[in-house]
N, C-alpha and C. Protein backbone atom coordinates (compact mmCIF):
# COMPACT_ATOMS: atom_id res chain seq x y z
N MET A 1 0.85 -1.18 0.00
CA MET A 1 0.00 0.00 0.00
C MET A 1 0.90 1.24 0.00
N ALA A 2 0.45 2.29 -0.65
CA ALA A 2 1.19 3.55 -0.72
C ALA A 2 0.57 4.58 0.23
N TYR A 3 1.26 5.70 0.39
CA TYR A 3 0.66 6.82 1.12
C TYR A 3 -0.58 7.26 0.37
N LYS A 4 -1.57 7.78 1.10
CA LYS A 4 -2.80 8.21 0.43
C LYS A 4 -3.49 9.31 1.21
N PHE A 5 -4.33 10.04 0.51
CA PHE A 5 -5.22 11.03 1.09
C PHE A 5 -6.62 10.42 1.12
N GLU A 6 -7.24 10.37 2.28
CA GLU A 6 -8.62 9.89 2.42
C GLU A 6 -9.52 11.10 2.62
N ILE A 7 -10.46 11.30 1.71
CA ILE A 7 -11.39 12.43 1.77
C ILE A 7 -12.69 11.97 2.43
N TYR A 8 -13.23 12.83 3.31
CA TYR A 8 -14.51 12.51 3.93
C TYR A 8 -15.23 13.81 4.31
N GLU A 9 -16.52 13.68 4.57
CA GLU A 9 -17.34 14.80 5.02
C GLU A 9 -17.61 14.60 6.52
N ASP A 10 -17.31 15.63 7.32
CA ASP A 10 -17.51 15.50 8.76
C ASP A 10 -18.97 15.73 9.15
N LYS A 11 -19.28 15.56 10.41
CA LYS A 11 -20.66 15.70 10.89
C LYS A 11 -21.22 17.09 10.68
N GLY A 12 -20.35 18.10 10.60
CA GLY A 12 -20.78 19.49 10.40
C GLY A 12 -20.93 19.86 8.93
N GLY A 13 -20.71 18.91 8.02
CA GLY A 13 -20.87 19.17 6.60
C GLY A 13 -19.62 19.74 5.93
N LYS A 14 -18.48 19.76 6.63
CA LYS A 14 -17.22 20.24 6.04
C LYS A 14 -16.46 19.05 5.47
N PHE A 15 -15.67 19.33 4.43
CA PHE A 15 -14.86 18.30 3.81
C PHE A 15 -13.46 18.33 4.41
N ARG A 16 -12.93 17.15 4.70
CA ARG A 16 -11.61 17.01 5.33
C ARG A 16 -10.87 15.85 4.68
N PHE A 17 -9.56 15.80 4.94
CA PHE A 17 -8.82 14.62 4.52
C PHE A 17 -7.88 14.19 5.62
N ASN A 18 -7.57 12.91 5.60
CA ASN A 18 -6.52 12.33 6.42
C ASN A 18 -5.42 11.91 5.47
N PHE A 19 -4.16 12.15 5.85
CA PHE A 19 -3.02 11.64 5.10
C PHE A 19 -2.60 10.37 5.81
N VAL A 20 -2.64 9.25 5.09
CA VAL A 20 -2.49 7.93 5.69
C VAL A 20 -1.21 7.25 5.18
N ALA A 21 -0.43 6.71 6.12
CA ALA A 21 0.81 5.99 5.80
C ALA A 21 0.49 4.60 5.26
N PRO A 22 1.47 3.98 4.62
CA PRO A 22 1.26 2.64 4.08
C PRO A 22 0.80 1.60 5.12
N ASN A 23 1.14 1.82 6.40
CA ASN A 23 0.71 0.87 7.43
C ASN A 23 -0.71 1.14 7.93
N GLY A 24 -1.39 2.14 7.33
CA GLY A 24 -2.77 2.44 7.69
C GLY A 24 -2.91 3.51 8.77
N GLU A 25 -1.79 3.99 9.32
CA GLU A 25 -1.83 4.99 10.38
C GLU A 25 -2.02 6.39 9.80
N THR A 26 -2.95 7.16 10.38
CA THR A 26 -3.15 8.54 9.95
C THR A 26 -1.99 9.39 10.46
N MET A 27 -1.31 10.05 9.52
CA MET A 27 -0.15 10.87 9.87
C MET A 27 -0.58 12.29 10.23
N PHE A 28 -1.54 12.85 9.48
CA PHE A 28 -2.11 14.15 9.82
C PHE A 28 -3.46 14.30 9.16
N SER A 29 -4.24 15.25 9.68
CA SER A 29 -5.58 15.54 9.17
C SER A 29 -5.66 17.00 8.78
N SER A 30 -6.56 17.30 7.87
CA SER A 30 -6.72 18.67 7.39
C SER A 30 -7.72 19.46 8.22
N GLN A 31 -7.73 20.74 7.95
CA GLN A 31 -8.80 21.60 8.45
C GLN A 31 -10.07 21.28 7.67
N GLY A 32 -11.20 21.86 8.03
CA GLY A 32 -12.44 21.65 7.31
C GLY A 32 -12.56 22.63 6.15
N TYR A 33 -13.02 22.15 5.01
CA TYR A 33 -13.24 22.97 3.82
C TYR A 33 -14.72 22.99 3.49
N ALA A 34 -15.20 24.14 3.03
CA ALA A 34 -16.62 24.28 2.70
C ALA A 34 -17.00 23.49 1.46
N SER A 35 -16.05 23.32 0.53
CA SER A 35 -16.36 22.58 -0.69
C SER A 35 -15.31 21.51 -0.95
N LYS A 36 -15.73 20.46 -1.61
CA LYS A 36 -14.82 19.37 -1.94
C LYS A 36 -13.77 19.85 -2.95
N SER A 37 -14.14 20.77 -3.84
CA SER A 37 -13.17 21.27 -4.82
C SER A 37 -12.04 22.04 -4.14
N SER A 38 -12.35 22.82 -3.10
CA SER A 38 -11.30 23.53 -2.35
C SER A 38 -10.37 22.53 -1.66
N LEU A 39 -10.94 21.50 -1.11
CA LEU A 39 -10.15 20.46 -0.46
C LEU A 39 -9.22 19.80 -1.46
N LYS A 40 -9.73 19.46 -2.64
CA LYS A 40 -8.90 18.82 -3.66
C LYS A 40 -7.80 19.75 -4.15
N ASN A 41 -8.08 21.06 -4.22
CA ASN A 41 -7.03 22.02 -4.58
C ASN A 41 -5.91 22.01 -3.55
N SER A 42 -6.27 21.91 -2.28
CA SER A 42 -5.28 21.84 -1.22
C SER A 42 -4.42 20.59 -1.35
N ILE A 43 -5.03 19.47 -1.62
CA ILE A 43 -4.29 18.22 -1.80
C ILE A 43 -3.33 18.35 -2.98
N GLU A 44 -3.80 18.91 -4.09
CA GLU A 44 -2.94 19.08 -5.27
C GLU A 44 -1.75 19.98 -4.95
N SER A 45 -1.97 21.02 -4.18
CA SER A 45 -0.90 21.92 -3.79
C SER A 45 0.15 21.18 -2.94
N ILE A 46 -0.30 20.37 -2.01
CA ILE A 46 0.62 19.59 -1.18
C ILE A 46 1.43 18.65 -2.05
N GLN A 47 0.76 17.97 -2.96
CA GLN A 47 1.45 17.01 -3.83
C GLN A 47 2.52 17.69 -4.68
N GLU A 48 2.28 18.91 -5.11
CA GLU A 48 3.22 19.62 -5.97
C GLU A 48 4.36 20.30 -5.20
N ASN A 49 4.07 20.79 -4.00
CA ASN A 49 5.00 21.69 -3.33
C ASN A 49 5.74 21.15 -2.12
N VAL A 50 5.37 20.04 -1.58
CA VAL A 50 5.97 19.57 -0.34
C VAL A 50 7.38 18.99 -0.49
N PRO A 51 7.76 18.37 -1.58
CA PRO A 51 9.09 17.74 -1.62
C PRO A 51 10.25 18.64 -1.19
N GLY A 52 10.16 19.95 -1.44
CA GLY A 52 11.24 20.85 -1.08
C GLY A 52 11.04 21.58 0.23
N ALA A 53 10.09 21.16 1.03
CA ALA A 53 9.77 21.88 2.27
C ALA A 53 10.91 21.77 3.28
N ASP A 54 11.19 22.89 3.94
CA ASP A 54 12.20 22.93 5.00
C ASP A 54 11.61 22.35 6.28
N VAL A 55 12.48 21.86 7.15
CA VAL A 55 12.09 21.42 8.47
C VAL A 55 12.72 22.37 9.47
N THR A 56 11.89 22.96 10.33
CA THR A 56 12.40 23.89 11.34
C THR A 56 11.87 23.49 12.71
N GLU A 57 12.55 23.96 13.72
CA GLU A 57 12.09 23.74 15.09
C GLU A 57 11.61 25.07 15.65
N ARG A 58 10.44 25.06 16.22
CA ARG A 58 9.87 26.26 16.82
C ARG A 58 10.27 26.34 18.28
N GLU A 59 10.63 27.53 18.69
CA GLU A 59 10.95 27.75 20.10
C GLU A 59 9.76 28.40 20.75
N ASP A 60 9.12 27.69 21.65
CA ASP A 60 7.96 28.23 22.36
C ASP A 60 8.44 29.17 23.47
N ASP A 61 7.63 30.18 23.73
CA ASP A 61 7.98 31.14 24.79
C ASP A 61 7.82 30.56 26.16
């Protein structure tokens, strides 16, 4: 199994996705989107832009 995005509609009628690892574990979940098309645009953006993302550590106050 490969990594995947699982799209679903929550109880409040918002569209969300879970990013799921090959072992079936959810790695992260999205915010709620009013439309499925906006959600899919977000997924497409992640797929195109994440490979070069920097990793930083935040210092909390």
